[in-house]
Amino acid sequence: MNNDNMTTFDDFKKLDIRVGEIIKVEFFKKAKNPAYKLWIDFGDEIGIKKSSAQITKCYKEEELLGKQVLGVVNFPPKQIADFMSEVLVLGVYAKDGVVLIQPERPVNKGDKLG
């Protein structure tokens, strides 16, 4: 790995990565690339946040409801078409599309990646 791409543990600690539960999904018609609008409940401390996610190749809307996901909650909001994305949902670029990163068992909404 090239040293220009290295980061520090202190940089990583600045990311606030939390578990949330997808509570609402809509197809994002105005997005340049196929995407869903997600409403994600991160629990009482953080609340419900919105995200745009290009995960349409691997997921149908109805299978996303109730799914726990990991998201970076301390990035600034980003305007995507007419939608304000407040959270970066984490996924892996796989051969068949983006696959969401999830806890391997149910945990509390708002739990922090440690």
PDB file of N, CA and C in Angstrom:
ATOM      1  N   MET A   1       0.848  -1.177   0.000  1.00  0.00           N
ATOM      2  CA  MET A   1       0.000   0.000   0.000  1.00  0.00           C
ATOM      3  C   MET A   1       0.894   1.241   0.000  1.00  0.00           C
ATOM      4  N   ASN A   2       0.504   2.204  -0.767  1.00  0.00           N
ATOM      5  CA  ASN A   2       1.221   3.466  -0.881  1.00  0.00           C
ATOM      6  C   ASN A   2       1.043   4.285   0.404  1.00  0.00           C
ATOM      7  N   ASN A   3       2.126   4.830   0.937  1.00  0.00           N
ATOM      8  CA  ASN A   3       2.051   5.629   2.170  1.00  0.00           C
ATOM      9  C   ASN A   3       1.205   6.881   2.013  1.00  0.00           C
ATOM     10  N   ASP A   4       0.979   7.351   0.771  1.00  0.00           N
ATOM     11  CA  ASP A   4       0.122   8.522   0.550  1.00  0.00           C
ATOM     12  C   ASP A   4      -1.328   8.232   0.933  1.00  0.00           C
ATOM     13  N   ASN A   5      -1.709   6.955   0.967  1.00  0.00           N
ATOM     14  CA  ASN A   5      -3.077   6.568   1.297  1.00  0.00           C
ATOM     15  C   ASN A   5      -3.254   6.201   2.766  1.00  0.00           C
ATOM     16  N   MET A   6      -2.221   6.302   3.547  1.00  0.00           N
ATOM     17  CA  MET A   6      -2.292   5.919   4.959  1.00  0.00           C
ATOM     18  C   MET A   6      -3.034   6.983   5.759  1.00  0.00           C
ATOM     19  N   THR A   7      -3.683   6.520   6.816  1.00  0.00           N
ATOM     20  CA  THR A   7      -4.370   7.419   7.735  1.00  0.00           C
ATOM     21  C   THR A   7      -3.942   7.037   9.148  1.00  0.00           C
ATOM     22  N   THR A   8      -4.369   7.806  10.109  1.00  0.00           N
ATOM     23  CA  THR A   8      -4.002   7.508  11.491  1.00  0.00           C
ATOM     24  C   THR A   8      -5.219   6.974  12.244  1.00  0.00           C
ATOM     25  N   PHE A   9      -4.949   6.332  13.366  1.00  0.00           N
ATOM     26  CA  PHE A   9      -6.040   5.865  14.212  1.00  0.00           C
ATOM     27  C   PHE A   9      -6.845   7.048  14.731  1.00  0.00           C
ATOM     28  N   ASP A  10      -6.200   8.162  14.999  1.00  0.00           N
ATOM     29  CA  ASP A  10      -6.915   9.367  15.446  1.00  0.00           C
ATOM     30  C   ASP A  10      -7.898   9.841  14.384  1.00  0.00           C
ATOM     31  N   ASP A  11      -7.505   9.742  13.091  1.00  0.00           N
ATOM     32  CA  ASP A  11      -8.435  10.099  12.014  1.00  0.00           C
ATOM     33  C   ASP A  11      -9.653   9.177  12.040  1.00  0.00           C
ATOM     34  N   PHE A  12      -9.430   7.877  12.193  1.00  0.00           N
ATOM     35  CA  PHE A  12     -10.521   6.912  12.233  1.00  0.00           C
ATOM     36  C   PHE A  12     -11.470   7.197  13.398  1.00  0.00           C
ATOM     37  N   LYS A  13     -10.906   7.551  14.563  1.00  0.00           N
ATOM     38  CA  LYS A  13     -11.726   7.809  15.747  1.00  0.00           C
ATOM     39  C   LYS A  13     -12.661   8.997  15.552  1.00  0.00           C
ATOM     40  N   LYS A  14     -12.375   9.870  14.595  1.00  0.00           N
ATOM     41  CA  LYS A  14     -13.240  11.024  14.333  1.00  0.00           C
ATOM     42  C   LYS A  14     -14.559  10.609  13.694  1.00  0.00           C
ATOM     43  N   LEU A  15     -14.578   9.444  13.041  1.00  0.00           N
ATOM     44  CA  LEU A  15     -15.808   8.963  12.413  1.00  0.00           C
ATOM     45  C   LEU A  15     -16.766   8.434  13.476  1.00  0.00           C
ATOM     46  N   ASP A  16     -18.007   8.876  13.408  1.00  0.00           N
ATOM     47  CA  ASP A  16     -19.042   8.386  14.310  1.00  0.00           C
ATOM     48  C   ASP A  16     -19.905   7.417  13.502  1.00  0.00           C
ATOM     49  N   ILE A  17     -19.626   6.119  13.661  1.00  0.00           N
ATOM     50  CA  ILE A  17     -20.313   5.076  12.903  1.00  0.00           C
ATOM     51  C   ILE A  17     -21.286   4.380  13.847  1.00  0.00           C
ATOM     52  N   ARG A  18     -22.568   4.427  13.482  1.00  0.00           N
ATOM     53  CA  ARG A  18     -23.622   3.911  14.354  1.00  0.00           C
ATOM     54  C   ARG A  18     -24.504   2.908  13.618  1.00  0.00           C
ATOM     55  N   VAL A  19     -25.232   2.131  14.414  1.00  0.00           N
ATOM     56  CA  VAL A  19     -26.220   1.193  13.883  1.00  0.00           C
ATOM     57  C   VAL A  19     -27.573   1.895  13.817  1.00  0.00           C
ATOM     58  N   GLY A  20     -28.215   1.745  12.672  1.00  0.00           N
ATOM     59  CA  GLY A  20     -29.562   2.266  12.511  1.00  0.00           C
ATOM     60  C   GLY A  20     -30.455   1.226  11.867  1.00  0.00           C
ATOM     61  N   GLU A  21     -31.762   1.451  11.978  1.00  0.00           N
ATOM     62  CA  GLU A  21     -32.747   0.551  11.375  1.00  0.00           C
ATOM     63  C   GLU A  21     -33.502   1.301  10.284  1.00  0.00           C
ATOM     64  N   ILE A  22     -33.537   0.719   9.098  1.00  0.00           N
ATOM     65  CA  ILE A  22     -34.247   1.347   7.983  1.00  0.00           C
ATOM     66  C   ILE A  22     -35.751   1.258   8.257  1.00  0.00           C
ATOM     67  N   ILE A  23     -36.412   2.429   8.287  1.00  0.00           N
ATOM     68  CA  ILE A  23     -37.843   2.461   8.605  1.00  0.00           C
ATOM     69  C   ILE A  23     -38.708   2.891   7.420  1.00  0.00           C
ATOM     70  N   LYS A  24     -38.083   3.438   6.373  1.00  0.00           N
ATOM     71  CA  LYS A  24     -38.836   3.870   5.189  1.00  0.00           C
ATOM     72  C   LYS A  24     -37.899   3.833   3.991  1.00  0.00           C
ATOM     73  N   VAL A  25     -38.424   3.410   2.827  1.00  0.00           N
ATOM     74  CA  VAL A  25     -37.635   3.310   1.601  1.00  0.00           C
ATOM     75  C   VAL A  25     -38.480   3.813   0.437  1.00  0.00           C
ATOM     76  N   GLU A  26     -37.867   4.620  -0.433  1.00  0.00           N
ATOM     77  CA  GLU A  26     -38.515   5.052  -1.672  1.00  0.00           C
ATOM     78  C   GLU A  26     -37.494   4.995  -2.788  1.00  0.00           C
ATOM     79  N   PHE A  27     -37.939   4.628  -3.993  1.00  0.00           N
ATOM     80  CA  PHE A  27     -37.051   4.702  -5.143  1.00  0.00           C
ATOM     81  C   PHE A  27     -36.774   6.175  -5.424  1.00  0.00           C
ATOM     82  N   PHE A  28     -35.515   6.517  -5.681  1.00  0.00           N
ATOM     83  CA  PHE A  28     -35.083   7.908  -5.881  1.00  0.00           C
ATOM     84  C   PHE A  28     -35.078   8.199  -7.384  1.00  0.00           C
ATOM     85  N   LYS A  29     -36.211   8.673  -7.884  1.00  0.00           N
ATOM     86  CA  LYS A  29     -36.391   8.899  -9.324  1.00  0.00           C
ATOM     87  C   LYS A  29     -35.453   9.949  -9.897  1.00  0.00           C
ATOM     88  N   LYS A  30     -35.107  10.958  -9.113  1.00  0.00           N
ATOM     89  CA  LYS A  30     -34.297  12.074  -9.629  1.00  0.00           C
ATOM     90  C   LYS A  30     -32.793  11.847  -9.515  1.00  0.00           C
ATOM     91  N   ALA A  31     -32.372  10.743  -8.932  1.00  0.00           N
ATOM     92  CA  ALA A  31     -30.937  10.460  -8.795  1.00  0.00           C
ATOM     93  C   ALA A  31     -30.338  10.152 -10.172  1.00  0.00           C
ATOM     94  N   LYS A  32     -29.080  10.564 -10.389  1.00  0.00           N
ATOM     95  CA  LYS A  32     -28.392  10.282 -11.656  1.00  0.00           C
ATOM     96  C   LYS A  32     -28.223   8.786 -11.874  1.00  0.00           C
ATOM     97  N   ASN A  33     -27.856   8.078 -10.814  1.00  0.00           N
ATOM     98  CA  ASN A  33     -27.701   6.624 -10.847  1.00  0.00           C
ATOM     99  C   ASN A  33     -28.806   6.006 -10.007  1.00  0.00           C
ATOM    100  N   PRO A  34     -29.291   4.814 -10.362  1.00  0.00           N
ATOM    101  CA  PRO A  34     -30.371   4.197  -9.585  1.00  0.00           C
ATOM    102  C   PRO A  34     -30.034   4.153  -8.092  1.00  0.00           C
ATOM    103  N   ALA A  35     -30.977   4.627  -7.286  1.00  0.00           N
ATOM    104  CA  ALA A  35     -30.750   4.715  -5.838  1.00  0.00           C
ATOM    105  C   ALA A  35     -32.081   4.673  -5.105  1.00  0.00           C
ATOM    106  N   TYR A  36     -31.977   4.446  -3.797  1.00  0.00           N
ATOM    107  CA  TYR A  36     -33.128   4.540  -2.908  1.00  0.00           C
ATOM    108  C   TYR A  36     -32.924   5.716  -1.966  1.00  0.00           C
ATOM    109  N   LYS A  37     -34.041   6.319  -1.555  1.00  0.00           N
ATOM    110  CA  LYS A  37     -34.055   7.240  -0.422  1.00  0.00           C
ATOM    111  C   LYS A  37     -34.347   6.367   0.799  1.00  0.00           C
ATOM    112  N   LEU A  38     -33.517   6.479   1.804  1.00  0.00           N
ATOM    113  CA  LEU A  38     -33.687   5.707   3.035  1.00  0.00           C
ATOM    114  C   LEU A  38     -33.930   6.638   4.214  1.00  0.00           C
ATOM    115  N   TRP A  39     -34.835   6.258   5.089  1.00  0.00           N
ATOM    116  CA  TRP A  39     -35.012   6.917   6.374  1.00  0.00           C
ATOM    117  C   TRP A  39     -34.565   5.897   7.407  1.00  0.00           C
ATOM    118  N   ILE A  40     -33.593   6.290   8.221  1.00  0.00           N
ATOM    119  CA  ILE A  40     -32.950   5.352   9.131  1.00  0.00           C
ATOM    120  C   ILE A  40     -33.071   5.871  10.563  1.00  0.00           C
ATOM    121  N   ASP A  41     -33.569   5.021  11.453  1.00  0.00           N
ATOM    122  CA  ASP A  41     -33.723   5.370  12.866  1.00  0.00           C
ATOM    123  C   ASP A  41     -32.459   4.947  13.616  1.00  0.00           C
ATOM    124  N   PHE A  42     -31.732   5.948  14.126  1.00  0.00           N
ATOM    125  CA  PHE A  42     -30.502   5.702  14.876  1.00  0.00           C
ATOM    126  C   PHE A  42     -30.727   5.802  16.384  1.00  0.00           C
ATOM    127  N   GLY A  43     -31.969   5.713  16.829  1.00  0.00           N
ATOM    128  CA  GLY A  43     -32.262   5.729  18.264  1.00  0.00           C
ATOM    129  C   GLY A  43     -32.474   7.130  18.801  1.00  0.00           C
ATOM    130  N   ASP A  44     -32.739   7.189  20.107  1.00  0.00           N
ATOM    131  CA  ASP A  44     -33.130   8.449  20.751  1.00  0.00           C
ATOM    132  C   ASP A  44     -32.069   9.539  20.666  1.00  0.00           C
ATOM    133  N   GLU A  45     -30.801   9.197  20.797  1.00  0.00           N
ATOM    134  CA  GLU A  45     -29.736  10.210  20.828  1.00  0.00           C
ATOM    135  C   GLU A  45     -29.589  10.931  19.488  1.00  0.00           C
ATOM    136  N   ILE A  46     -29.698  10.198  18.383  1.00  0.00           N
ATOM    137  CA  ILE A  46     -29.456  10.765  17.055  1.00  0.00           C
ATOM    138  C   ILE A  46     -30.754  10.984  16.282  1.00  0.00           C
ATOM    139  N   GLY A  47     -31.710  10.087  16.441  1.00  0.00           N
ATOM    140  CA  GLY A  47     -32.993  10.221  15.778  1.00  0.00           C
ATOM    141  C   GLY A  47     -33.008   9.635  14.372  1.00  0.00           C
ATOM    142  N   ILE A  48     -33.962  10.079  13.584  1.00  0.00           N
ATOM    143  CA  ILE A  48     -34.140   9.578  12.223  1.00  0.00           C
ATOM    144  C   ILE A  48     -33.355  10.463  11.264  1.00  0.00           C
ATOM    145  N   LYS A  49     -32.544   9.827  10.426  1.00  0.00           N
ATOM    146  CA  LYS A  49     -31.727  10.524   9.428  1.00  0.00           C
ATOM    147  C   LYS A  49     -32.023   9.941   8.054  1.00  0.00           C
ATOM    148  N   LYS A  50     -31.804  10.755   7.019  1.00  0.00           N
ATOM    149  CA  LYS A  50     -32.058  10.337   5.641  1.00  0.00           C
ATOM    150  C   LYS A  50     -30.740  10.056   4.927  1.00  0.00           C
ATOM    151  N   SER A  51     -30.820   9.137   3.955  1.00  0.00           N
ATOM    152  CA  SER A  51     -29.648   8.813   3.155  1.00  0.00           C
ATOM    153  C   SER A  51     -30.080   8.414   1.757  1.00  0.00           C
ATOM    154  N   SER A  52     -29.253   8.732   0.788  1.00  0.00           N
ATOM    155  CA  SER A  52     -29.415   8.221  -0.571  1.00  0.00           C
ATOM    156  C   SER A  52     -28.402   7.097  -0.739  1.00  0.00           C
ATOM    157  N   ALA A  53     -28.871   5.950  -1.221  1.00  0.00           N
ATOM    158  CA  ALA A  53     -27.984   4.792  -1.318  1.00  0.00           C
ATOM    159  C   ALA A  53     -28.167   4.088  -2.659  1.00  0.00           C
ATOM    160  N   GLN A  54     -27.056   3.886  -3.359  1.00  0.00           N
ATOM    161  CA  GLN A  54     -27.074   3.195  -4.650  1.00  0.00           C
ATOM    162  C   GLN A  54     -26.953   1.686  -4.422  1.00  0.00           C
ATOM    163  N   ILE A  55     -28.039   1.110  -3.935  1.00  0.00           N
ATOM    164  CA  ILE A  55     -28.050  -0.308  -3.565  1.00  0.00           C
ATOM    165  C   ILE A  55     -29.149  -1.069  -4.297  1.00  0.00           C
ATOM    166  N   THR A  56     -29.652  -0.508  -5.401  1.00  0.00           N
ATOM    167  CA  THR A  56     -30.801  -1.094  -6.094  1.00  0.00           C
ATOM    168  C   THR A  56     -30.482  -2.418  -6.787  1.00  0.00           C
ATOM    169  N   LYS A  57     -29.223  -2.684  -7.107  1.00  0.00           N
ATOM    170  CA  LYS A  57     -28.875  -3.943  -7.775  1.00  0.00           C
ATOM    171  C   LYS A  57     -28.984  -5.142  -6.838  1.00  0.00           C
ATOM    172  N   CYS A  58     -28.762  -4.918  -5.561  1.00  0.00           N
ATOM    173  CA  CYS A  58     -28.741  -6.033  -4.605  1.00  0.00           C
ATOM    174  C   CYS A  58     -29.975  -6.121  -3.716  1.00  0.00           C
ATOM    175  N   TYR A  59     -30.784  -5.052  -3.667  1.00  0.00           N
ATOM    176  CA  TYR A  59     -31.896  -5.029  -2.720  1.00  0.00           C
ATOM    177  C   TYR A  59     -33.174  -4.500  -3.369  1.00  0.00           C
ATOM    178  N   LYS A  60     -34.299  -5.102  -2.981  1.00  0.00           N
ATOM    179  CA  LYS A  60     -35.622  -4.594  -3.331  1.00  0.00           C
ATOM    180  C   LYS A  60     -36.105  -3.744  -2.154  1.00  0.00           C
ATOM    181  N   GLU A  61     -36.943  -2.769  -2.440  1.00  0.00           N
ATOM    182  CA  GLU A  61     -37.415  -1.852  -1.396  1.00  0.00           C
ATOM    183  C   GLU A  61     -37.957  -2.598  -0.178  1.00  0.00           C
ATOM    184  N   GLU A  62     -38.825  -3.583  -0.424  1.00  0.00           N
ATOM    185  CA  GLU A  62     -39.507  -4.248   0.686  1.00  0.00           C
ATOM    186  C   GLU A  62     -38.559  -5.055   1.571  1.00  0.00           C
ATOM    187  N   GLU A  63     -37.442  -5.532   1.036  1.00  0.00           N
ATOM    188  CA  GLU A  63     -36.525  -6.316   1.870  1.00  0.00           C
ATOM    189  C   GLU A  63     -35.615  -5.424   2.732  1.00  0.00           C
ATOM    190  N   LEU A  64     -35.609  -4.123   2.469  1.00  0.00           N
ATOM    191  CA  LEU A  64     -34.775  -3.211   3.258  1.00  0.00           C
ATOM    192  C   LEU A  64     -35.450  -2.776   4.560  1.00  0.00           C
ATOM    193  N   LEU A  65     -36.777  -2.763   4.585  1.00  0.00           N
ATOM    194  CA  LEU A  65     -37.491  -2.328   5.785  1.00  0.00           C
ATOM    195  C   LEU A  65     -37.137  -3.214   6.977  1.00  0.00           C
ATOM    196  N   GLY A  66     -36.748  -2.569   8.076  1.00  0.00           N
ATOM    197  CA  GLY A  66     -36.395  -3.285   9.295  1.00  0.00           C
ATOM    198  C   GLY A  66     -34.958  -3.764   9.345  1.00  0.00           C
ATOM    199  N   LYS A  67     -34.213  -3.583   8.263  1.00  0.00           N
ATOM    200  CA  LYS A  67     -32.822  -4.040   8.207  1.00  0.00           C
ATOM    201  C   LYS A  67     -31.930  -3.087   9.015  1.00  0.00           C
ATOM    202  N   GLN A  68     -31.024  -3.656   9.801  1.00  0.00           N
ATOM    203  CA  GLN A  68     -30.039  -2.841  10.514  1.00  0.00           C
ATOM    204  C   GLN A  68     -28.843  -2.601   9.605  1.00  0.00           C
ATOM    205  N   VAL A  69     -28.349  -1.365   9.608  1.00  0.00           N
ATOM    206  CA  VAL A  69     -27.208  -0.976   8.780  1.00  0.00           C
ATOM    207  C   VAL A  69     -26.246  -0.137   9.609  1.00  0.00           C
ATOM    208  N   LEU A  70     -25.028  -0.002   9.102  1.00  0.00           N
ATOM    209  CA  LEU A  70     -24.050   0.899   9.715  1.00  0.00           C
ATOM    210  C   LEU A  70     -23.974   2.170   8.885  1.00  0.00           C
ATOM    211  N   GLY A  71     -23.877   3.301   9.556  1.00  0.00           N
ATOM    212  CA  GLY A  71     -23.786   4.568   8.848  1.00  0.00           C
ATOM    213  C   GLY A  71     -22.905   5.560   9.580  1.00  0.00           C
ATOM    214  N   VAL A  72     -22.211   6.397   8.794  1.00  0.00           N
ATOM    215  CA  VAL A  72     -21.426   7.495   9.359  1.00  0.00           C
ATOM    216  C   VAL A  72     -22.399   8.643   9.582  1.00  0.00           C
ATOM    217  N   VAL A  73     -22.572   9.036  10.842  1.00  0.00           N
ATOM    218  CA  VAL A  73     -23.581  10.039  11.185  1.00  0.00           C
ATOM    219  C   VAL A  73     -23.010  11.443  11.395  1.00  0.00           C
ATOM    220  N   ASN A  74     -21.694  11.598  11.279  1.00  0.00           N
ATOM    221  CA  ASN A  74     -21.121  12.923  11.535  1.00  0.00           C
ATOM    222  C   ASN A  74     -20.452  13.546  10.301  1.00  0.00           C
ATOM    223  N   PHE A  75     -20.901  13.147   9.101  1.00  0.00           N
ATOM    224  CA  PHE A  75     -20.519  13.872   7.889  1.00  0.00           C
ATOM    225  C   PHE A  75     -21.511  15.011   7.693  1.00  0.00           C
ATOM    226  N   PRO A  76     -21.104  16.100   7.032  1.00  0.00           N
ATOM    227  CA  PRO A  76     -22.080  17.154   6.746  1.00  0.00           C
ATOM    228  C   PRO A  76     -23.118  16.654   5.736  1.00  0.00           C
ATOM    229  N   PRO A  77     -24.354  17.160   5.802  1.00  0.00           N
ATOM    230  CA  PRO A  77     -25.380  16.766   4.836  1.00  0.00           C
ATOM    231  C   PRO A  77     -24.933  17.083   3.405  1.00  0.00           C
ATOM    232  N   LYS A  78     -25.433  16.273   2.455  1.00  0.00           N
ATOM    233  CA  LYS A  78     -25.074  16.453   1.053  1.00  0.00           C
ATOM    234  C   LYS A  78     -26.349  16.478   0.214  1.00  0.00           C
ATOM    235  N   GLN A  79     -26.498  17.536  -0.582  1.00  0.00           N
ATOM    236  CA  GLN A  79     -27.653  17.668  -1.463  1.00  0.00           C
ATOM    237  C   GLN A  79     -27.473  16.763  -2.677  1.00  0.00           C
ATOM    238  N   ILE A  80     -28.450  15.879  -2.900  1.00  0.00           N
ATOM    239  CA  ILE A  80     -28.448  15.010  -4.071  1.00  0.00           C
ATOM    240  C   ILE A  80     -29.793  15.221  -4.755  1.00  0.00           C
ATOM    241  N   ALA A  81     -29.764  15.888  -5.907  1.00  0.00           N
ATOM    242  CA  ALA A  81     -30.982  16.306  -6.608  1.00  0.00           C
ATOM    243  C   ALA A  81     -31.834  17.116  -5.625  1.00  0.00           C
ATOM    244  N   ASP A  82     -33.078  16.681  -5.373  1.00  0.00           N
ATOM    245  CA  ASP A  82     -33.959  17.418  -4.462  1.00  0.00           C
ATOM    246  C   ASP A  82     -34.021  16.803  -3.065  1.00  0.00           C
ATOM    247  N   PHE A  83     -33.000  16.022  -2.700  1.00  0.00           N
ATOM    248  CA  PHE A  83     -32.993  15.264  -1.446  1.00  0.00           C
ATOM    249  C   PHE A  83     -31.728  15.577  -0.664  1.00  0.00           C
ATOM    250  N   MET A  84     -31.876  15.795   0.636  1.00  0.00           N
ATOM    251  CA  MET A  84     -30.724  16.058   1.500  1.00  0.00           C
ATOM    252  C   MET A  84     -30.321  14.761   2.199  1.00  0.00           C
ATOM    253  N   SER A  85     -29.156  14.230   1.822  1.00  0.00           N
ATOM    254  CA  SER A  85     -28.632  13.008   2.426  1.00  0.00           C
ATOM    255  C   SER A  85     -27.817  13.396   3.659  1.00  0.00           C
ATOM    256  N   GLU A  86     -28.191  12.857   4.819  1.00  0.00           N
ATOM    257  CA  GLU A  86     -27.586  13.248   6.088  1.00  0.00           C
ATOM    258  C   GLU A  86     -26.616  12.225   6.649  1.00  0.00           C
ATOM    259  N   VAL A  87     -26.625  11.020   6.093  1.00  0.00           N
ATOM    260  CA  VAL A  87     -25.849   9.906   6.628  1.00  0.00           C
ATOM    261  C   VAL A  87     -25.234   9.146   5.471  1.00  0.00           C
ATOM    262  N   LEU A  88     -24.005   8.660   5.654  1.00  0.00           N
ATOM    263  CA  LEU A  88     -23.376   7.778   4.668  1.00  0.00           C
ATOM    264  C   LEU A  88     -23.565   6.342   5.141  1.00  0.00           C
ATOM    265  N   VAL A  89     -24.421   5.603   4.430  1.00  0.00           N
ATOM    266  CA  VAL A  89     -24.635   4.198   4.739  1.00  0.00           C
ATOM    267  C   VAL A  89     -23.443   3.418   4.190  1.00  0.00           C
ATOM    268  N   LEU A  90     -22.910   2.500   4.988  1.00  0.00           N
ATOM    269  CA  LEU A  90     -21.708   1.774   4.595  1.00  0.00           C
ATOM    270  C   LEU A  90     -22.037   0.483   3.861  1.00  0.00           C
ATOM    271  N   GLY A  91     -21.283   0.248   2.793  1.00  0.00           N
ATOM    272  CA  GLY A  91     -21.458  -0.956   2.004  1.00  0.00           C
ATOM    273  C   GLY A  91     -20.156  -1.341   1.339  1.00  0.00           C
ATOM    274  N   VAL A  92     -20.181  -2.507   0.737  1.00  0.00           N
ATOM    275  CA  VAL A  92     -19.017  -3.051   0.044  1.00  0.00           C
ATOM    276  C   VAL A  92     -19.337  -3.109  -1.445  1.00  0.00           C
ATOM    277  N   TYR A  93     -18.398  -2.635  -2.277  1.00  0.00           N
ATOM    278  CA  TYR A  93     -18.570  -2.737  -3.723  1.00  0.00           C
ATOM    279  C   TYR A  93     -18.241  -4.167  -4.142  1.00  0.00           C
ATOM    280  N   ALA A  94     -19.290  -4.966  -4.316  1.00  0.00           N
ATOM    281  CA  ALA A  94     -19.138  -6.364  -4.712  1.00  0.00           C
ATOM    282  C   ALA A  94     -19.375  -6.494  -6.220  1.00  0.00           C
ATOM    283  N   LYS A  95     -19.122  -7.662  -6.750  1.00  0.00           N
ATOM    284  CA  LYS A  95     -19.270  -7.921  -8.172  1.00  0.00           C
ATOM    285  C   LYS A  95     -20.690  -7.600  -8.657  1.00  0.00           C
ATOM    286  N   ASP A  96     -21.696  -7.919  -7.838  1.00  0.00           N
ATOM    287  CA  ASP A  96     -23.091  -7.752  -8.245  1.00  0.00           C
ATOM    288  C   ASP A  96     -23.702  -6.420  -7.831  1.00  0.00           C
ATOM    289  N   GLY A  97     -22.949  -5.554  -7.167  1.00  0.00           N
ATOM    290  CA  GLY A  97     -23.473  -4.271  -6.695  1.00  0.00           C
ATOM    291  C   GLY A  97     -23.035  -4.014  -5.269  1.00  0.00           C
ATOM    292  N   VAL A  98     -23.581  -2.951  -4.690  1.00  0.00           N
ATOM    293  CA  VAL A  98     -23.200  -2.573  -3.327  1.00  0.00           C
ATOM    294  C   VAL A  98     -23.971  -3.423  -2.321  1.00  0.00           C
ATOM    295  N   VAL A  99     -23.228  -4.064  -1.412  1.00  0.00           N
ATOM    296  CA  VAL A  99     -23.791  -4.900  -0.353  1.00  0.00           C
ATOM    297  C   VAL A  99     -23.633  -4.155   0.968  1.00  0.00           C
ATOM    298  N   LEU A 100     -24.731  -3.993   1.685  1.00  0.00           N
ATOM    299  CA  LEU A 100     -24.714  -3.260   2.947  1.00  0.00           C
ATOM    300  C   LEU A 100     -23.904  -3.980   4.019  1.00  0.00           C
ATOM    301  N   ILE A 101     -23.279  -3.187   4.871  1.00  0.00           N
ATOM    302  CA  ILE A 101     -22.585  -3.721   6.045  1.00  0.00           C
ATOM    303  C   ILE A 101     -23.576  -3.699   7.208  1.00  0.00           C
ATOM    304  N   GLN A 102     -23.718  -4.858   7.859  1.00  0.00           N
ATOM    305  CA  GLN A 102     -24.684  -5.004   8.935  1.00  0.00           C
ATOM    306  C   GLN A 102     -24.045  -5.694  10.137  1.00  0.00           C
ATOM    307  N   PRO A 103     -24.596  -5.457  11.340  1.00  0.00           N
ATOM    308  CA  PRO A 103     -24.145  -6.253  12.483  1.00  0.00           C
ATOM    309  C   PRO A 103     -24.506  -7.721  12.243  1.00  0.00           C
ATOM    310  N   GLU A 104     -23.717  -8.642  12.752  1.00  0.00           N
ATOM    311  CA  GLU A 104     -23.980 -10.059  12.523  1.00  0.00           C
ATOM    312  C   GLU A 104     -25.118 -10.592  13.402  1.00  0.00           C
ATOM    313  N   ARG A 105     -25.577  -9.788  14.344  1.00  0.00           N
ATOM    314  CA  ARG A 105     -26.752 -10.118  15.149  1.00  0.00           C
ATOM    315  C   ARG A 105     -27.434  -8.805  15.542  1.00  0.00           C
ATOM    316  N   PRO A 106     -28.717  -8.830  15.888  1.00  0.00           N
ATOM    317  CA  PRO A 106     -29.409  -7.572  16.241  1.00  0.00           C
ATOM    318  C   PRO A 106     -28.752  -6.868  17.433  1.00  0.00           C
ATOM    319  N   VAL A 107     -28.636  -5.562  17.322  1.00  0.00           N
ATOM    320  CA  VAL A 107     -28.097  -4.725  18.397  1.00  0.00           C
ATOM    321  C   VAL A 107     -29.028  -3.524  18.551  1.00  0.00           C
ATOM    322  N   ASN A 108     -28.760  -2.693  19.551  1.00  0.00           N
ATOM    323  CA  ASN A 108     -29.599  -1.524  19.798  1.00  0.00           C
ATOM    324  C   ASN A 108     -29.327  -0.429  18.762  1.00  0.00           C
ATOM    325  N   LYS A 109     -30.409   0.247  18.353  1.00  0.00           N
ATOM    326  CA  LYS A 109     -30.268   1.397  17.477  1.00  0.00           C
ATOM    327  C   LYS A 109     -29.369   2.433  18.154  1.00  0.00           C
ATOM    328  N   GLY A 110     -28.435   2.979  17.398  1.00  0.00           N
ATOM    329  CA  GLY A 110     -27.551   3.995  17.950  1.00  0.00           C
ATOM    330  C   GLY A 110     -26.256   3.435  18.511  1.00  0.00           C
ATOM    331  N   ASP A 111     -26.154   2.102  18.640  1.00  0.00           N
ATOM    332  CA  ASP A 111     -24.893   1.533  19.127  1.00  0.00           C
ATOM    333  C   ASP A 111     -23.758   1.956  18.209  1.00  0.00           C
ATOM    334  N   LYS A 112     -22.620   2.252  18.811  1.00  0.00           N
ATOM    335  CA  LYS A 112     -21.479   2.800  18.090  1.00  0.00           C
ATOM    336  C   LYS A 112     -20.467   1.713  17.736  1.00  0.00           C
ATOM    337  N   LEU A 113     -19.929   1.804  16.519  1.00  0.00           N
ATOM    338  CA  LEU A 113     -18.850   0.920  16.122  1.00  0.00           C
ATOM    339  C   LEU A 113     -17.648   1.213  17.000  1.00  0.00           C
ATOM    340  N   GLY A 114     -17.068   0.176  17.569  1.00  0.00           N
ATOM    341  CA  GLY A 114     -15.971   0.394  18.499  1.00  0.00           C
ATOM    342  C   GLY A 114     -14.705  -0.303  18.103  1.00  0.00           C
TER     343      GLY A 114
END
